[in-house]
Amino acid sequence: MIQYSDIEHTLDEWQQWRNLDHRLLNDGKPSKLSVSVDLYVMEEEIDLAVKDLRLAMMSKDDIQAKRSYDKLLELIKEYQQRVYVNILKSEY
């Protein structure tokens, strides 16, 4: 069973990465277009995964909640990797 504290920790981590992405976007390194196109769709997918997880937790469907949480973790990991790539692109 997923604990609410685990979910909150994951969502806090997600917000930190999202903030990093937005700082890169505002700094213009790498180009604003590169960052926004590369990561915008991922943000939307993660937001949908969070909504799915919350619905599963509210309905007390542990199996679906576990699936949604695993999907959320996978998406966040992919997002982190893409942010790293964008950071490395900006360091020439």
PDB file of N, CA and C in Angstrom:
ATOM      1  N   MET A   1       0.845  -1.186   0.000  1.00  0.00           N
ATOM      2  CA  MET A   1       0.000   0.000   0.000  1.00  0.00           C
ATOM      3  C   MET A   1       0.885   1.242   0.000  1.00  0.00           C
ATOM      4  N   ILE A   2       0.514   2.211  -0.791  1.00  0.00           N
ATOM      5  CA  ILE A   2       1.276   3.446  -0.909  1.00  0.00           C
ATOM      6  C   ILE A   2       0.909   4.374   0.251  1.00  0.00           C
ATOM      7  N   GLN A   3       1.923   4.960   0.836  1.00  0.00           N
ATOM      8  CA  GLN A   3       1.714   5.902   1.928  1.00  0.00           C
ATOM      9  C   GLN A   3       1.592   7.316   1.366  1.00  0.00           C
ATOM     10  N   TYR A   4       0.761   8.126   1.989  1.00  0.00           N
ATOM     11  CA  TYR A   4       0.611   9.513   1.545  1.00  0.00           C
ATOM     12  C   TYR A   4       1.928  10.280   1.658  1.00  0.00           C
ATOM     13  N   SER A   5       2.729   9.941   2.644  1.00  0.00           N
ATOM     14  CA  SER A   5       4.014  10.625   2.800  1.00  0.00           C
ATOM     15  C   SER A   5       4.936  10.352   1.614  1.00  0.00           C
ATOM     16  N   ASP A   6       4.877   9.129   1.057  1.00  0.00           N
ATOM     17  CA  ASP A   6       5.666   8.814  -0.136  1.00  0.00           C
ATOM     18  C   ASP A   6       5.214   9.657  -1.326  1.00  0.00           C
ATOM     19  N   ILE A   7       3.919   9.788  -1.462  1.00  0.00           N
ATOM     20  CA  ILE A   7       3.372  10.577  -2.569  1.00  0.00           C
ATOM     21  C   ILE A   7       3.776  12.034  -2.417  1.00  0.00           C
ATOM     22  N   GLU A   8       3.645  12.568  -1.215  1.00  0.00           N
ATOM     23  CA  GLU A   8       4.008  13.965  -0.987  1.00  0.00           C
ATOM     24  C   GLU A   8       5.497  14.205  -1.264  1.00  0.00           C
ATOM     25  N   HIS A   9       6.334  13.281  -0.851  1.00  0.00           N
ATOM     26  CA  HIS A   9       7.771  13.399  -1.110  1.00  0.00           C
ATOM     27  C   HIS A   9       8.040  13.391  -2.617  1.00  0.00           C
ATOM     28  N   THR A  10       7.388  12.498  -3.325  1.00  0.00           N
ATOM     29  CA  THR A  10       7.555  12.410  -4.775  1.00  0.00           C
ATOM     30  C   THR A  10       7.085  13.689  -5.454  1.00  0.00           C
ATOM     31  N   LEU A  11       5.939  14.215  -5.038  1.00  0.00           N
ATOM     32  CA  LEU A  11       5.423  15.441  -5.643  1.00  0.00           C
ATOM     33  C   LEU A  11       6.307  16.648  -5.329  1.00  0.00           C
ATOM     34  N   ASP A  12       6.882  16.680  -4.130  1.00  0.00           N
ATOM     35  CA  ASP A  12       7.825  17.753  -3.790  1.00  0.00           C
ATOM     36  C   ASP A  12       9.051  17.690  -4.686  1.00  0.00           C
ATOM     37  N   GLU A  13       9.572  16.487  -4.894  1.00  0.00           N
ATOM     38  CA  GLU A  13      10.729  16.310  -5.773  1.00  0.00           C
ATOM     39  C   GLU A  13      10.376  16.738  -7.194  1.00  0.00           C
ATOM     40  N   TRP A  14       9.198  16.355  -7.652  1.00  0.00           N
ATOM     41  CA  TRP A  14       8.749  16.724  -8.992  1.00  0.00           C
ATOM     42  C   TRP A  14       8.707  18.248  -9.145  1.00  0.00           C
ATOM     43  N   GLN A  15       8.178  18.947  -8.137  1.00  0.00           N
ATOM     44  CA  GLN A  15       8.099  20.407  -8.215  1.00  0.00           C
ATOM     45  C   GLN A  15       9.481  21.048  -8.265  1.00  0.00           C
ATOM     46  N   GLN A  16      10.445  20.479  -7.570  1.00  0.00           N
ATOM     47  CA  GLN A  16      11.808  20.999  -7.612  1.00  0.00           C
ATOM     48  C   GLN A  16      12.387  20.869  -9.015  1.00  0.00           C
ATOM     49  N   TRP A  17      12.171  19.721  -9.652  1.00  0.00           N
ATOM     50  CA  TRP A  17      12.669  19.532 -11.014  1.00  0.00           C
ATOM     51  C   TRP A  17      11.945  20.439 -11.994  1.00  0.00           C
ATOM     52  N   ARG A  18      10.666  20.586 -11.781  1.00  0.00           N
ATOM     53  CA  ARG A  18       9.893  21.478 -12.663  1.00  0.00           C
ATOM     54  C   ARG A  18      10.390  22.915 -12.521  1.00  0.00           C
ATOM     55  N   ASN A  19      10.688  23.330 -11.312  1.00  0.00           N
ATOM     56  CA  ASN A  19      11.215  24.675 -11.086  1.00  0.00           C
ATOM     57  C   ASN A  19      12.574  24.853 -11.757  1.00  0.00           C
ATOM     58  N   LEU A  20      13.416  23.822 -11.701  1.00  0.00           N
ATOM     59  CA  LEU A  20      14.711  23.881 -12.374  1.00  0.00           C
ATOM     60  C   LEU A  20      14.511  24.071 -13.870  1.00  0.00           C
ATOM     61  N   ASP A  21      13.608  23.313 -14.432  1.00  0.00           N
ATOM     62  CA  ASP A  21      13.298  23.430 -15.860  1.00  0.00           C
ATOM     63  C   ASP A  21      12.864  24.852 -16.183  1.00  0.00           C
ATOM     64  N   HIS A  22      11.998  25.425 -15.363  1.00  0.00           N
ATOM     65  CA  HIS A  22      11.490  26.764 -15.650  1.00  0.00           C
ATOM     66  C   HIS A  22      12.569  27.832 -15.476  1.00  0.00           C
ATOM     67  N   ARG A  23      13.501  27.611 -14.562  1.00  0.00           N
ATOM     68  CA  ARG A  23      14.635  28.539 -14.440  1.00  0.00           C
ATOM     69  C   ARG A  23      15.491  28.479 -15.692  1.00  0.00           C
ATOM     70  N   LEU A  24      15.723  27.285 -16.213  1.00  0.00           N
ATOM     71  CA  LEU A  24      16.474  27.161 -17.467  1.00  0.00           C
ATOM     72  C   LEU A  24      15.744  27.879 -18.599  1.00  0.00           C
ATOM     73  N   LEU A  25      14.443  27.719 -18.624  1.00  0.00           N
ATOM     74  CA  LEU A  25      13.649  28.344 -19.666  1.00  0.00           C
ATOM     75  C   LEU A  25      13.753  29.859 -19.581  1.00  0.00           C
ATOM     76  N   ASN A  26      13.698  30.396 -18.384  1.00  0.00           N
ATOM     77  CA  ASN A  26      13.762  31.840 -18.210  1.00  0.00           C
ATOM     78  C   ASN A  26      15.160  32.388 -18.474  1.00  0.00           C
ATOM     79  N   ASP A  27      16.194  31.607 -18.205  1.00  0.00           N
ATOM     80  CA  ASP A  27      17.567  32.038 -18.459  1.00  0.00           C
ATOM     81  C   ASP A  27      17.912  31.989 -19.934  1.00  0.00           C
ATOM     82  N   GLY A  28      17.175  31.203 -20.696  1.00  0.00           N
ATOM     83  CA  GLY A  28      17.444  31.084 -22.124  1.00  0.00           C
ATOM     84  C   GLY A  28      18.596  30.160 -22.446  1.00  0.00           C
ATOM     85  N   LYS A  29      19.019  29.324 -21.496  1.00  0.00           N
ATOM     86  CA  LYS A  29      20.111  28.372 -21.732  1.00  0.00           C
ATOM     87  C   LYS A  29      19.598  26.987 -21.407  1.00  0.00           C
ATOM     88  N   PRO A  30      19.526  26.066 -22.275  1.00  0.00           N
ATOM     89  CA  PRO A  30      19.602  26.222 -23.724  1.00  0.00           C
ATOM     90  C   PRO A  30      18.438  27.059 -24.238  1.00  0.00           C
ATOM     91  N   SER A  31      18.273  27.124 -25.526  1.00  0.00           N
ATOM     92  CA  SER A  31      17.272  28.026 -26.093  1.00  0.00           C
ATOM     93  C   SER A  31      15.902  27.739 -25.494  1.00  0.00           C
ATOM     94  N   LYS A  32      15.131  28.781 -25.332  1.00  0.00           N
ATOM     95  CA  LYS A  32      13.793  28.638 -24.757  1.00  0.00           C
ATOM     96  C   LYS A  32      12.959  27.628 -25.533  1.00  0.00           C
ATOM     97  N   LEU A  33      13.067  27.660 -26.824  1.00  0.00           N
ATOM     98  CA  LEU A  33      12.295  26.740 -27.654  1.00  0.00           C
ATOM     99  C   LEU A  33      12.697  25.292 -27.387  1.00  0.00           C
ATOM    100  N   SER A  34      13.991  25.045 -27.274  1.00  0.00           N
ATOM    101  CA  SER A  34      14.488  23.690 -27.036  1.00  0.00           C
ATOM    102  C   SER A  34      13.937  23.124 -25.738  1.00  0.00           C
ATOM    103  N   VAL A  35      14.029  23.894 -24.677  1.00  0.00           N
ATOM    104  CA  VAL A  35      13.559  23.410 -23.372  1.00  0.00           C
ATOM    105  C   VAL A  35      12.050  23.251 -23.368  1.00  0.00           C
ATOM    106  N   SER A  36      11.352  24.240 -23.866  1.00  0.00           N
ATOM    107  CA  SER A  36       9.896  24.186 -23.773  1.00  0.00           C
ATOM    108  C   SER A  36       9.315  23.054 -24.608  1.00  0.00           C
ATOM    109  N   VAL A  37       9.820  22.853 -25.804  1.00  0.00           N
ATOM    110  CA  VAL A  37       9.305  21.778 -26.655  1.00  0.00           C
ATOM    111  C   VAL A  37       9.664  20.421 -26.065  1.00  0.00           C
ATOM    112  N   ASP A  38      10.888  20.301 -25.582  1.00  0.00           N
ATOM    113  CA  ASP A  38      11.371  19.025 -25.067  1.00  0.00           C
ATOM    114  C   ASP A  38      10.632  18.585 -23.809  1.00  0.00           C
ATOM    115  N   LEU A  39      10.256  19.512 -22.953  1.00  0.00           N
ATOM    116  CA  LEU A  39       9.740  19.131 -21.641  1.00  0.00           C
ATOM    117  C   LEU A  39       8.258  19.441 -21.405  1.00  0.00           C
ATOM    118  N   TYR A  40       7.657  20.272 -22.219  1.00  0.00           N
ATOM    119  CA  TYR A  40       6.258  20.642 -21.990  1.00  0.00           C
ATOM    120  C   TYR A  40       5.330  19.432 -22.016  1.00  0.00           C
ATOM    121  N   VAL A  41       5.495  18.586 -22.996  1.00  0.00           N
ATOM    122  CA  VAL A  41       4.638  17.398 -23.116  1.00  0.00           C
ATOM    123  C   VAL A  41       4.827  16.487 -21.909  1.00  0.00           C
ATOM    124  N   MET A  42       6.076  16.378 -21.453  1.00  0.00           N
ATOM    125  CA  MET A  42       6.339  15.542 -20.270  1.00  0.00           C
ATOM    126  C   MET A  42       5.615  16.103 -19.043  1.00  0.00           C
ATOM    127  N   GLU A  43       5.614  17.425 -18.888  1.00  0.00           N
ATOM    128  CA  GLU A  43       4.905  18.034 -17.754  1.00  0.00           C
ATOM    129  C   GLU A  43       3.425  17.687 -17.794  1.00  0.00           C
ATOM    130  N   GLU A  44       2.840  17.729 -18.976  1.00  0.00           N
ATOM    131  CA  GLU A  44       1.427  17.396 -19.123  1.00  0.00           C
ATOM    132  C   GLU A  44       1.169  15.931 -18.752  1.00  0.00           C
ATOM    133  N   GLU A  45       2.034  15.030 -19.193  1.00  0.00           N
ATOM    134  CA  GLU A  45       1.882  13.607 -18.861  1.00  0.00           C
ATOM    135  C   GLU A  45       2.002  13.381 -17.364  1.00  0.00           C
ATOM    136  N   ILE A  46       2.939  14.070 -16.740  1.00  0.00           N
ATOM    137  CA  ILE A  46       3.120  13.916 -15.294  1.00  0.00           C
ATOM    138  C   ILE A  46       1.911  14.463 -14.551  1.00  0.00           C
ATOM    139  N   ASP A  47       1.393  15.599 -14.973  1.00  0.00           N
ATOM    140  CA  ASP A  47       0.194  16.147 -14.336  1.00  0.00           C
ATOM    141  C   ASP A  47      -0.978  15.176 -14.436  1.00  0.00           C
ATOM    142  N   LEU A  48      -1.128  14.530 -15.589  1.00  0.00           N
ATOM    143  CA  LEU A  48      -2.194  13.531 -15.743  1.00  0.00           C
ATOM    144  C   LEU A  48      -1.961  12.322 -14.836  1.00  0.00           C
ATOM    145  N   ALA A  49      -0.714  11.897 -14.710  1.00  0.00           N
ATOM    146  CA  ALA A  49      -0.398  10.767 -13.829  1.00  0.00           C
ATOM    147  C   ALA A  49      -0.708  11.118 -12.374  1.00  0.00           C
ATOM    148  N   VAL A  50      -0.436  12.354 -11.976  1.00  0.00           N
ATOM    149  CA  VAL A  50      -0.751  12.798 -10.609  1.00  0.00           C
ATOM    150  C   VAL A  50      -2.261  12.756 -10.390  1.00  0.00           C
ATOM    151  N   LYS A  51      -3.022  13.229 -11.367  1.00  0.00           N
ATOM    152  CA  LYS A  51      -4.486  13.197 -11.246  1.00  0.00           C
ATOM    153  C   LYS A  51      -4.992  11.761 -11.143  1.00  0.00           C
ATOM    154  N   ASP A  52      -4.455  10.876 -11.972  1.00  0.00           N
ATOM    155  CA  ASP A  52      -4.848   9.462 -11.913  1.00  0.00           C
ATOM    156  C   ASP A  52      -4.535   8.863 -10.553  1.00  0.00           C
ATOM    157  N   LEU A  53      -3.375   9.193 -10.022  1.00  0.00           N
ATOM    158  CA  LEU A  53      -2.980   8.681  -8.715  1.00  0.00           C
ATOM    159  C   LEU A  53      -3.920   9.183  -7.623  1.00  0.00           C
ATOM    160  N   ARG A  54      -4.238  10.444  -7.661  1.00  0.00           N
ATOM    161  CA  ARG A  54      -5.141  11.005  -6.647  1.00  0.00           C
ATOM    162  C   ARG A  54      -6.523  10.362  -6.722  1.00  0.00           C
ATOM    163  N   LEU A  55      -7.014  10.148  -7.937  1.00  0.00           N
ATOM    164  CA  LEU A  55      -8.316   9.487  -8.086  1.00  0.00           C
ATOM    165  C   LEU A  55      -8.280   8.068  -7.531  1.00  0.00           C
ATOM    166  N   ALA A  56      -7.216   7.346  -7.819  1.00  0.00           N
ATOM    167  CA  ALA A  56      -7.096   5.974  -7.318  1.00  0.00           C
ATOM    168  C   ALA A  56      -6.999   5.956  -5.794  1.00  0.00           C
ATOM    169  N   MET A  57      -6.282   6.934  -5.234  1.00  0.00           N
ATOM    170  CA  MET A  57      -6.160   6.988  -3.768  1.00  0.00           C
ATOM    171  C   MET A  57      -7.503   7.334  -3.130  1.00  0.00           C
ATOM    172  N   MET A  58      -8.243   8.237  -3.751  1.00  0.00           N
ATOM    173  CA  MET A  58      -9.550   8.611  -3.199  1.00  0.00           C
ATOM    174  C   MET A  58     -10.542   7.455  -3.280  1.00  0.00           C
ATOM    175  N   SER A  59     -10.438   6.661  -4.341  1.00  0.00           N
ATOM    176  CA  SER A  59     -11.356   5.531  -4.489  1.00  0.00           C
ATOM    177  C   SER A  59     -10.878   4.302  -3.728  1.00  0.00           C
ATOM    178  N   LYS A  60      -9.718   4.435  -3.089  1.00  0.00           N
ATOM    179  CA  LYS A  60      -9.126   3.358  -2.282  1.00  0.00           C
ATOM    180  C   LYS A  60      -8.843   2.101  -3.107  1.00  0.00           C
ATOM    181  N   ASP A  61      -8.501   2.309  -4.363  1.00  0.00           N
ATOM    182  CA  ASP A  61      -8.129   1.223  -5.262  1.00  0.00           C
ATOM    183  C   ASP A  61      -6.608   1.075  -5.208  1.00  0.00           C
ATOM    184  N   ASP A  62      -6.131   0.208  -4.318  1.00  0.00           N
ATOM    185  CA  ASP A  62      -4.697   0.060  -4.075  1.00  0.00           C
ATOM    186  C   ASP A  62      -3.930  -0.418  -5.302  1.00  0.00           C
ATOM    187  N   ILE A  63      -4.515  -1.299  -6.075  1.00  0.00           N
ATOM    188  CA  ILE A  63      -3.826  -1.829  -7.249  1.00  0.00           C
ATOM    189  C   ILE A  63      -3.625  -0.717  -8.285  1.00  0.00           C
ATOM    190  N   GLN A  64      -4.694   0.039  -8.569  1.00  0.00           N
ATOM    191  CA  GLN A  64      -4.580   1.136  -9.539  1.00  0.00           C
ATOM    192  C   GLN A  64      -3.674   2.244  -8.995  1.00  0.00           C
ATOM    193  N   ALA A  65      -3.737   2.484  -7.696  1.00  0.00           N
ATOM    194  CA  ALA A  65      -2.871   3.501  -7.096  1.00  0.00           C
ATOM    195  C   ALA A  65      -1.405   3.124  -7.265  1.00  0.00           C
ATOM    196  N   LYS A  66      -1.092   1.861  -7.064  1.00  0.00           N
ATOM    197  CA  LYS A  66       0.288   1.387  -7.231  1.00  0.00           C
ATOM    198  C   LYS A  66       0.734   1.556  -8.680  1.00  0.00           C
ATOM    199  N   ARG A  67      -0.120   1.193  -9.623  1.00  0.00           N
ATOM    200  CA  ARG A  67       0.211   1.357 -11.047  1.00  0.00           C
ATOM    201  C   ARG A  67       0.431   2.832 -11.391  1.00  0.00           C
ATOM    202  N   SER A  68      -0.460   3.676 -10.908  1.00  0.00           N
ATOM    203  CA  SER A  68      -0.346   5.112 -11.187  1.00  0.00           C
ATOM    204  C   SER A  68       0.919   5.693 -10.566  1.00  0.00           C
ATOM    205  N   TYR A  69       1.234   5.251  -9.360  1.00  0.00           N
ATOM    206  CA  TYR A  69       2.429   5.741  -8.673  1.00  0.00           C
ATOM    207  C   TYR A  69       3.693   5.290  -9.412  1.00  0.00           C
ATOM    208  N   ASP A  70       3.716   4.044  -9.850  1.00  0.00           N
ATOM    209  CA  ASP A  70       4.863   3.542 -10.618  1.00  0.00           C
ATOM    210  C   ASP A  70       5.032   4.315 -11.924  1.00  0.00           C
ATOM    211  N   LYS A  71       3.918   4.603 -12.580  1.00  0.00           N
ATOM    212  CA  LYS A  71       3.976   5.377 -13.820  1.00  0.00           C
ATOM    213  C   LYS A  71       4.495   6.786 -13.539  1.00  0.00           C
ATOM    214  N   LEU A  72       4.036   7.385 -12.452  1.00  0.00           N
ATOM    215  CA  LEU A  72       4.496   8.719 -12.072  1.00  0.00           C
ATOM    216  C   LEU A  72       5.999   8.729 -11.824  1.00  0.00           C
ATOM    217  N   LEU A  73       6.489   7.741 -11.096  1.00  0.00           N
ATOM    218  CA  LEU A  73       7.925   7.658 -10.827  1.00  0.00           C
ATOM    219  C   LEU A  73       8.725   7.504 -12.118  1.00  0.00           C
ATOM    220  N   GLU A  74       8.216   6.700 -13.033  1.00  0.00           N
ATOM    221  CA  GLU A  74       8.891   6.491 -14.318  1.00  0.00           C
ATOM    222  C   GLU A  74       8.940   7.786 -15.133  1.00  0.00           C
ATOM    223  N   LEU A  75       7.829   8.510 -15.168  1.00  0.00           N
ATOM    224  CA  LEU A  75       7.780   9.767 -15.912  1.00  0.00           C
ATOM    225  C   LEU A  75       8.707  10.821 -15.304  1.00  0.00           C
ATOM    226  N   ILE A  76       8.735  10.890 -13.976  1.00  0.00           N
ATOM    227  CA  ILE A  76       9.617  11.854 -13.315  1.00  0.00           C
ATOM    228  C   ILE A  76      11.074  11.530 -13.606  1.00  0.00           C
ATOM    229  N   LYS A  77      11.407  10.248 -13.591  1.00  0.00           N
ATOM    230  CA  LYS A  77      12.785   9.843 -13.898  1.00  0.00           C
ATOM    231  C   LYS A  77      13.163  10.261 -15.321  1.00  0.00           C
ATOM    232  N   GLU A  78      12.265  10.035 -16.272  1.00  0.00           N
ATOM    233  CA  GLU A  78      12.531  10.428 -17.654  1.00  0.00           C
ATOM    234  C   GLU A  78      12.665  11.949 -17.763  1.00  0.00           C
ATOM    235  N   TYR A  79      11.823  12.675 -17.042  1.00  0.00           N
ATOM    236  CA  TYR A  79      11.882  14.132 -17.039  1.00  0.00           C
ATOM    237  C   TYR A  79      13.233  14.607 -16.490  1.00  0.00           C
ATOM    238  N   GLN A  80      13.676  13.996 -15.396  1.00  0.00           N
ATOM    239  CA  GLN A  80      14.970  14.355 -14.816  1.00  0.00           C
ATOM    240  C   GLN A  80      16.098  14.131 -15.819  1.00  0.00           C
ATOM    241  N   GLN A  81      16.042  13.032 -16.530  1.00  0.00           N
ATOM    242  CA  GLN A  81      17.072  12.745 -17.526  1.00  0.00           C
ATOM    243  C   GLN A  81      17.071  13.798 -18.624  1.00  0.00           C
ATOM    244  N   ARG A  82      15.898  14.209 -19.046  1.00  0.00           N
ATOM    245  CA  ARG A  82      15.820  15.230 -20.092  1.00  0.00           C
ATOM    246  C   ARG A  82      16.325  16.585 -19.590  1.00  0.00           C
ATOM    247  N   VAL A  83      16.041  16.907 -18.341  1.00  0.00           N
ATOM    248  CA  VAL A  83      16.562  18.159 -17.779  1.00  0.00           C
ATOM    249  C   VAL A  83      18.084  18.114 -17.744  1.00  0.00           C
ATOM    250  N   TYR A  84      18.653  16.981 -17.316  1.00  0.00           N
ATOM    251  CA  TYR A  84      20.114  16.836 -17.323  1.00  0.00           C
ATOM    252  C   TYR A  84      20.682  17.068 -18.723  1.00  0.00           C
ATOM    253  N   VAL A  85      20.047  16.483 -19.718  1.00  0.00           N
ATOM    254  CA  VAL A  85      20.520  16.649 -21.088  1.00  0.00           C
ATOM    255  C   VAL A  85      20.492  18.124 -21.475  1.00  0.00           C
ATOM    256  N   ASN A  86      19.416  18.815 -21.114  1.00  0.00           N
ATOM    257  CA  ASN A  86      19.321  20.245 -21.439  1.00  0.00           C
ATOM    258  C   ASN A  86      20.365  21.064 -20.694  1.00  0.00           C
ATOM    259  N   ILE A  87      20.673  20.684 -19.464  1.00  0.00           N
ATOM    260  CA  ILE A  87      21.712  21.377 -18.713  1.00  0.00           C
ATOM    261  C   ILE A  87      23.055  21.165 -19.393  1.00  0.00           C
ATOM    262  N   LEU A  88      23.336  19.937 -19.792  1.00  0.00           N
ATOM    263  CA  LEU A  88      24.604  19.655 -20.454  1.00  0.00           C
ATOM    264  C   LEU A  88      24.713  20.372 -21.797  1.00  0.00           C
ATOM    265  N   LYS A  89      23.613  20.506 -22.502  1.00  0.00           N
ATOM    266  CA  LYS A  89      23.626  21.220 -23.775  1.00  0.00           C
ATOM    267  C   LYS A  89      24.021  22.668 -23.590  1.00  0.00           C
ATOM    268  N   SER A  90      23.688  23.237 -22.439  1.00  0.00           N
ATOM    269  CA  SER A  90      23.959  24.649 -22.220  1.00  0.00           C
ATOM    270  C   SER A  90      25.379  24.935 -21.756  1.00  0.00           C
ATOM    271  N   GLU A  91      26.143  23.892 -21.457  1.00  0.00           N
ATOM    272  CA  GLU A  91      27.494  24.075 -20.922  1.00  0.00           C
ATOM    273  C   GLU A  91      28.536  23.819 -22.007  1.00  0.00           C
ATOM    274  N   TYR A  92      28.672  24.736 -22.961  1.00  0.00           N
ATOM    275  CA  TYR A  92      29.731  24.572 -23.935  1.00  0.00           C
ATOM    276  C   TYR A  92      30.829  25.513 -23.702  1.00  0.00           C
TER     277      TYR A  92
END
